[in-house]
Amino acid sequence: MKIEEVLAEADKALYSLKIEDAIIYLETALEINPNNIEALIKLSKIALTRDEKVKALEYIEKTENLDSESMELLFERA
C-alpha cells in the first residue's frame, strides 16, 4: 500500500471515530516514511484528545525538527 492510501484509510477511520484503527494506519504510514509530517501531526492530535501530553509533545517535537516553519505545527505548539 502506498503512503497516500494508508493516510486516506487513517482519515476514513478518524471520520468514523475508529481511533484505534486510525492509529494503526498512521503508525503504518510512519513505518513507510518515519518523517511523514501529516501522520505525526494527526498522531499528536489523537494523543492530546486522550490526555497523553508527553506522547503528543514527542510527535510535535519530531515534526518541529522536520519542518520548523509549519503553521499547523505552530498552532499545535500553542
Protein backbone atom coordinates (compact mmCIF):
# COMPACT_ATOMS: atom_id res chain seq x y z
CA MET A 1 0.00 0.00 0.00
CA LYS A 2 1.26 3.50 -0.83
CA ILE A 3 1.57 6.07 1.91
CA GLU A 4 -1.21 8.18 0.37
CA GLU A 5 -3.56 5.20 0.57
CA VAL A 6 -2.60 4.49 4.18
CA LEU A 7 -3.21 8.13 5.13
CA ALA A 8 -6.57 8.08 3.34
CA GLU A 9 -7.57 4.99 5.34
CA ALA A 10 -6.48 6.76 8.53
CA ASP A 11 -8.70 9.72 7.62
CA LYS A 12 -11.66 7.39 7.00
CA ALA A 13 -11.09 5.72 10.36
CA LEU A 14 -10.86 9.09 12.12
CA TYR A 15 -14.04 10.29 10.41
CA SER A 16 -15.79 7.12 11.61
CA LEU A 17 -14.36 7.62 15.12
CA LYS A 18 -12.42 4.36 14.85
CA ILE A 19 -9.46 5.85 16.67
CA GLU A 20 -7.56 2.60 17.26
CA ASP A 21 -7.77 1.78 13.55
CA ALA A 22 -6.60 5.29 12.69
CA ILE A 23 -3.60 4.89 14.99
CA ILE A 24 -2.66 1.63 13.27
CA TYR A 25 -2.85 3.30 9.84
CA LEU A 26 -0.86 6.32 11.00
CA GLU A 27 1.81 4.13 12.56
CA THR A 28 1.94 2.16 9.31
CA ALA A 29 2.46 5.45 7.46
CA LEU A 30 5.40 6.16 9.75
CA GLU A 31 6.84 2.72 9.00
CA ILE A 32 6.74 3.64 5.32
CA ASN A 33 8.11 7.14 5.94
CA PRO A 34 9.21 7.94 9.51
CA ASN A 35 9.34 11.63 8.61
CA ASN A 36 5.75 11.97 7.41
CA ILE A 37 4.57 15.22 8.95
CA GLU A 38 0.88 14.58 8.30
CA ALA A 39 0.95 11.29 10.24
CA LEU A 40 2.96 12.84 13.07
CA ILE A 41 0.57 15.77 13.46
CA LYS A 42 -2.50 13.51 13.40
CA LEU A 43 -0.95 11.20 15.99
CA SER A 44 -0.17 14.22 18.17
CA LYS A 45 -3.80 15.37 17.95
CA ILE A 46 -5.04 11.90 18.90
CA ALA A 47 -2.63 11.81 21.83
CA LEU A 48 -3.89 15.19 23.03
CA THR A 49 -7.52 14.07 22.90
CA ARG A 50 -6.50 11.09 25.05
CA ASP A 51 -4.71 13.39 27.50
CA GLU A 52 -1.37 11.78 26.56
CA LYS A 53 0.50 15.06 26.67
CA VAL A 54 4.02 13.61 26.78
CA LYS A 55 3.35 11.43 23.74
CA ALA A 56 1.74 14.36 21.90
CA LEU A 57 4.75 16.53 22.63
CA GLU A 58 7.11 13.83 21.30
CA TYR A 59 5.22 13.80 17.98
CA ILE A 60 5.16 17.60 17.84
CA GLU A 61 8.88 17.88 18.58
CA LYS A 62 9.72 15.35 15.88
CA THR A 63 7.59 17.32 13.44
CA GLU A 64 9.24 20.54 14.55
CA ASN A 65 12.66 19.04 13.82
CA LEU A 66 11.49 18.18 10.30
CA ASP A 67 9.60 21.38 9.49
CA SER A 68 10.02 24.23 11.94
CA GLU A 69 8.10 26.59 9.65
CA SER A 70 4.84 24.62 9.57
CA MET A 71 1.95 26.90 10.52
CA GLU A 72 -0.09 23.93 11.65
CA LEU A 73 2.76 22.91 13.91
CA LEU A 74 2.91 26.39 15.43
CA PHE A 75 -0.80 26.09 16.16
CA GLU A 76 -0.32 22.69 17.80
CA ARG A 77 2.54 24.00 19.94
CA ALA A 78 0.26 26.70 21.38
